Amino acid sequence: MNREDYGFAKLPREALLEMQDLEKRLKDETGKEVTLIAYTQGQEHDLDRTAMGANSDYECF
């Protein structure tokens, strides 16, 4: 895996909420903080939310 080939995934809000729920469940099960990070291959590495448009259903964090 070449890190330069991957960027942060721009996910729909519902997917982000599901990831946050999973982080909480994993913390509850393990007693440790868990952070999930979504990457996608070949996507631009632009983290500027304004580039996605003000009314976008997609978020990146």
Protein backbone atom coordinates (compact mmCIF):
# COMPACT_ATOMS: atom_id res chain seq x y z
CA MET A 1 0.00 0.00 0.00
CA ASN A 2 1.39 3.35 -1.04
CA ARG A 3 0.01 6.05 1.29
CA GLU A 4 0.10 8.67 -1.47
CA ASP A 5 -2.54 6.66 -3.37
CA TYR A 6 -5.11 7.13 -0.59
CA GLY A 7 -7.04 10.09 0.78
CA PHE A 8 -9.63 10.58 3.48
CA ALA A 9 -12.99 9.24 2.36
CA LYS A 10 -15.78 11.76 1.88
CA LEU A 11 -18.70 9.91 3.43
CA PRO A 12 -22.42 10.62 3.65
CA ARG A 13 -23.52 11.93 7.04
CA GLU A 14 -25.35 8.66 7.81
CA ALA A 15 -22.12 6.69 7.30
CA LEU A 16 -20.27 9.04 9.66
CA LEU A 17 -22.95 8.54 12.29
CA GLU A 18 -22.64 4.76 11.90
CA MET A 19 -18.86 4.98 12.32
CA GLN A 20 -19.26 7.11 15.46
CA ASP A 21 -21.75 4.58 16.84
CA LEU A 22 -19.31 1.75 16.16
CA GLU A 23 -16.51 3.70 17.88
CA LYS A 24 -18.73 4.06 20.96
CA ARG A 25 -19.70 0.37 20.96
CA LEU A 26 -16.05 -0.68 20.65
CA LYS A 27 -15.12 1.64 23.53
CA ASP A 28 -17.92 0.16 25.65
CA GLU A 29 -16.75 -3.40 24.84
CA THR A 30 -13.01 -2.83 25.25
CA GLY A 31 -12.87 0.01 27.76
CA LYS A 32 -10.46 1.81 25.43
CA GLU A 33 -10.86 4.76 23.08
CA VAL A 34 -11.17 3.62 19.46
CA THR A 35 -10.88 5.85 16.42
CA LEU A 36 -11.97 4.62 13.01
CA ILE A 37 -10.47 6.33 9.96
CA ALA A 38 -11.96 5.95 6.48
CA TYR A 39 -9.63 6.12 3.50
CA THR A 40 -10.39 5.60 -0.15
CA GLN A 41 -8.03 4.87 -3.01
CA GLY A 42 -7.61 7.42 -5.78
CA GLN A 43 -9.69 10.19 -4.21
CA GLU A 44 -8.34 13.73 -4.04
CA HIS A 45 -6.75 14.60 -0.73
CA ASP A 46 -8.73 17.85 -0.42
CA LEU A 47 -10.03 18.19 3.14
CA ASP A 48 -11.65 21.59 2.56
CA ARG A 49 -15.38 21.13 3.21
CA THR A 50 -16.21 24.21 1.14
CA ALA A 51 -14.93 22.41 -1.94
CA MET A 52 -17.81 19.94 -1.53
CA GLY A 53 -20.43 22.69 -1.57
CA ALA A 54 -22.53 24.16 1.18
CA ASN A 55 -25.45 21.79 0.59
CA SER A 56 -23.40 18.64 0.25
CA ASP A 57 -24.61 15.41 1.84
CA TYR A 58 -21.00 14.35 2.23
CA GLU A 59 -18.60 15.22 5.00
CA CYS A 60 -14.95 14.67 5.65
CA PHE A 61 -13.27 14.89 8.99
